Amino acid sequence: MAVFAVTYAYADGSAAARDEHRPAHREYLGGLSERGVNLCSGPFGPEEAPGALLLFRAGSREEAVAHTEKDPFRIQGLVAEVSAQEWVPVLGPLAEHF
């Protein structure tokens, strides 16, 4: 299985709704972590465009994106754009795990 860098671009004006749905969002991603799909995830910093990075283990780009479809943030329309790129860890502590 490959690793994919999945990025979310949050919908404009969605900050309050993200706060409301964050517990369910984190619970969903936690379930993916328990299954070995979500390797690491989190939002971009406060000075960046609103969004997040999720590192997923998946068999294909399509499978990686499909894992996001039941995310409460996606269901509630809080994510304007999802993209996925295969990522090949080579150096550093994370690379040692792949």
C-alpha atoms as a PDB file:
ATOM      1  CA  MET A   1       0.000   0.000   0.000  1.00  0.00           C
ATOM      2  CA  ALA A   2       1.105   3.525  -0.746  1.00  0.00           C
ATOM      3  CA  VAL A   3       0.928   6.669   1.359  1.00  0.00           C
ATOM      4  CA  PHE A   4      -1.137   9.594   0.076  1.00  0.00           C
ATOM      5  CA  ALA A   5      -1.009  13.210   1.182  1.00  0.00           C
ATOM      6  CA  VAL A   6      -4.680  14.174   1.192  1.00  0.00           C
ATOM      7  CA  THR A   7      -5.425  17.863   1.515  1.00  0.00           C
ATOM      8  CA  TYR A   8      -8.629  19.611   2.471  1.00  0.00           C
ATOM      9  CA  ALA A   9      -9.424  23.202   1.545  1.00  0.00           C
ATOM     10  CA  TYR A  10     -12.176  24.309   3.904  1.00  0.00           C
ATOM     11  CA  ALA A  11     -15.269  26.077   2.580  1.00  0.00           C
ATOM     12  CA  ASP A  12     -15.413  29.833   3.052  1.00  0.00           C
ATOM     13  CA  GLY A  13     -17.281  30.853   6.183  1.00  0.00           C
ATOM     14  CA  SER A  14     -17.223  27.340   7.655  1.00  0.00           C
ATOM     15  CA  ALA A  15     -15.235  28.026  10.854  1.00  0.00           C
ATOM     16  CA  ALA A  16     -18.220  27.949  13.244  1.00  0.00           C
ATOM     17  CA  ALA A  17     -19.638  24.796  11.652  1.00  0.00           C
ATOM     18  CA  ARG A  18     -16.216  23.122  11.807  1.00  0.00           C
ATOM     19  CA  ASP A  19     -16.095  23.896  15.531  1.00  0.00           C
ATOM     20  CA  GLU A  20     -19.536  22.316  15.915  1.00  0.00           C
ATOM     21  CA  HIS A  21     -18.691  19.157  13.955  1.00  0.00           C
ATOM     22  CA  ARG A  22     -15.039  18.775  15.043  1.00  0.00           C
ATOM     23  CA  PRO A  23     -15.736  16.099  17.701  1.00  0.00           C
ATOM     24  CA  ALA A  24     -17.472  13.850  15.131  1.00  0.00           C
ATOM     25  CA  HIS A  25     -14.766  14.621  12.552  1.00  0.00           C
ATOM     26  CA  ARG A  26     -12.022  13.595  14.982  1.00  0.00           C
ATOM     27  CA  GLU A  27     -13.924  10.485  16.018  1.00  0.00           C
ATOM     28  CA  TYR A  28     -14.221   9.457  12.366  1.00  0.00           C
ATOM     29  CA  LEU A  29     -10.512  10.064  11.679  1.00  0.00           C
ATOM     30  CA  GLY A  30      -9.659   8.249  14.913  1.00  0.00           C
ATOM     31  CA  GLY A  31     -11.489   5.209  13.568  1.00  0.00           C
ATOM     32  CA  LEU A  32      -9.415   5.405  10.393  1.00  0.00           C
ATOM     33  CA  SER A  33      -6.291   5.592  12.579  1.00  0.00           C
ATOM     34  CA  GLU A  34      -7.318   2.434  14.425  1.00  0.00           C
ATOM     35  CA  ARG A  35      -7.662   0.683  11.046  1.00  0.00           C
ATOM     36  CA  GLY A  36      -4.185   1.829   9.964  1.00  0.00           C
ATOM     37  CA  VAL A  37      -5.516   4.165   7.265  1.00  0.00           C
ATOM     38  CA  ASN A  38      -4.969   7.586   8.875  1.00  0.00           C
ATOM     39  CA  LEU A  39      -1.275   7.774   9.715  1.00  0.00           C
ATOM     40  CA  CYS A  40      -1.329  11.394  10.833  1.00  0.00           C
ATOM     41  CA  SER A  41      -3.633  14.354  10.269  1.00  0.00           C
ATOM     42  CA  GLY A  42      -4.221  17.908  11.369  1.00  0.00           C
ATOM     43  CA  PRO A  43      -5.145  21.421  10.296  1.00  0.00           C
ATOM     44  CA  PHE A  44      -2.817  23.915   8.663  1.00  0.00           C
ATOM     45  CA  GLY A  45      -1.480  26.683  10.905  1.00  0.00           C
ATOM     46  CA  PRO A  46      -3.412  29.872  11.626  1.00  0.00           C
ATOM     47  CA  GLU A  47      -1.444  31.915   9.070  1.00  0.00           C
ATOM     48  CA  GLU A  48      -2.207  29.463   6.237  1.00  0.00           C
ATOM     49  CA  ALA A  49      -5.295  29.108   4.053  1.00  0.00           C
ATOM     50  CA  PRO A  50      -7.905  27.147   6.044  1.00  0.00           C
ATOM     51  CA  GLY A  51      -7.492  23.448   5.405  1.00  0.00           C
ATOM     52  CA  ALA A  52      -5.804  20.275   6.593  1.00  0.00           C
ATOM     53  CA  LEU A  53      -3.305  17.586   5.681  1.00  0.00           C
ATOM     54  CA  LEU A  54      -4.127  13.905   6.160  1.00  0.00           C
ATOM     55  CA  LEU A  55      -1.586  11.154   5.508  1.00  0.00           C
ATOM     56  CA  PHE A  56      -3.476   8.040   4.453  1.00  0.00           C
ATOM     57  CA  ARG A  57      -2.321   4.545   3.625  1.00  0.00           C
ATOM     58  CA  ALA A  58      -4.342   3.316   0.615  1.00  0.00           C
ATOM     59  CA  GLY A  59      -4.133   1.168  -2.477  1.00  0.00           C
ATOM     60  CA  SER A  60      -4.835   4.072  -4.842  1.00  0.00           C
ATOM     61  CA  ARG A  61      -5.498   7.805  -4.981  1.00  0.00           C
ATOM     62  CA  GLU A  62      -9.199   7.057  -5.498  1.00  0.00           C
ATOM     63  CA  GLU A  63      -9.282   4.850  -2.404  1.00  0.00           C
ATOM     64  CA  ALA A  64      -7.548   7.556  -0.354  1.00  0.00           C
ATOM     65  CA  VAL A  65     -10.155  10.132  -1.389  1.00  0.00           C
ATOM     66  CA  ALA A  66     -12.967   7.621  -0.834  1.00  0.00           C
ATOM     67  CA  HIS A  67     -11.881   7.353   2.817  1.00  0.00           C
ATOM     68  CA  THR A  68     -12.838  11.026   3.228  1.00  0.00           C
ATOM     69  CA  GLU A  69     -16.388  10.673   1.909  1.00  0.00           C
ATOM     70  CA  LYS A  70     -17.873   9.711   5.298  1.00  0.00           C
ATOM     71  CA  ASP A  71     -15.941  12.379   7.193  1.00  0.00           C
ATOM     72  CA  PRO A  72     -18.521  14.602   8.943  1.00  0.00           C
ATOM     73  CA  PHE A  73     -16.700  17.669   7.613  1.00  0.00           C
ATOM     74  CA  ARG A  74     -17.329  16.429   4.064  1.00  0.00           C
ATOM     75  CA  ILE A  75     -20.899  15.319   4.780  1.00  0.00           C
ATOM     76  CA  GLN A  76     -21.709  18.761   6.203  1.00  0.00           C
ATOM     77  CA  GLY A  77     -20.213  20.549   3.162  1.00  0.00           C
ATOM     78  CA  LEU A  78     -17.358  22.117   5.145  1.00  0.00           C
ATOM     79  CA  VAL A  79     -14.672  20.971   2.707  1.00  0.00           C
ATOM     80  CA  ALA A  80     -14.633  22.847  -0.601  1.00  0.00           C
ATOM     81  CA  GLU A  81     -11.867  20.790  -2.210  1.00  0.00           C
ATOM     82  CA  VAL A  82     -10.102  17.475  -1.622  1.00  0.00           C
ATOM     83  CA  SER A  83      -6.926  16.445  -3.393  1.00  0.00           C
ATOM     84  CA  ALA A  84      -4.597  13.484  -3.001  1.00  0.00           C
ATOM     85  CA  GLN A  85      -1.033  12.945  -4.109  1.00  0.00           C
ATOM     86  CA  GLU A  86       1.077   9.851  -3.554  1.00  0.00           C
ATOM     87  CA  TRP A  87       3.830  10.633  -1.085  1.00  0.00           C
ATOM     88  CA  VAL A  88       7.046   8.633  -0.787  1.00  0.00           C
ATOM     89  CA  PRO A  89       8.723   9.111   2.617  1.00  0.00           C
ATOM     90  CA  VAL A  90      12.493   8.749   2.180  1.00  0.00           C
ATOM     91  CA  LEU A  91      14.235  10.479   5.091  1.00  0.00           C
ATOM     92  CA  GLY A  92      13.377  11.274   8.677  1.00  0.00           C
ATOM     93  CA  PRO A  93      11.501   9.574  11.506  1.00  0.00           C
ATOM     94  CA  LEU A  94       8.331   8.959   9.501  1.00  0.00           C
ATOM     95  CA  ALA A  95      10.246   7.267   6.691  1.00  0.00           C
ATOM     96  CA  GLU A  96      11.483   4.617   9.119  1.00  0.00           C
ATOM     97  CA  HIS A  97       7.906   3.353   9.515  1.00  0.00           C
ATOM     98  CA  PHE A  98       7.299   2.662   5.807  1.00  0.00           C
END
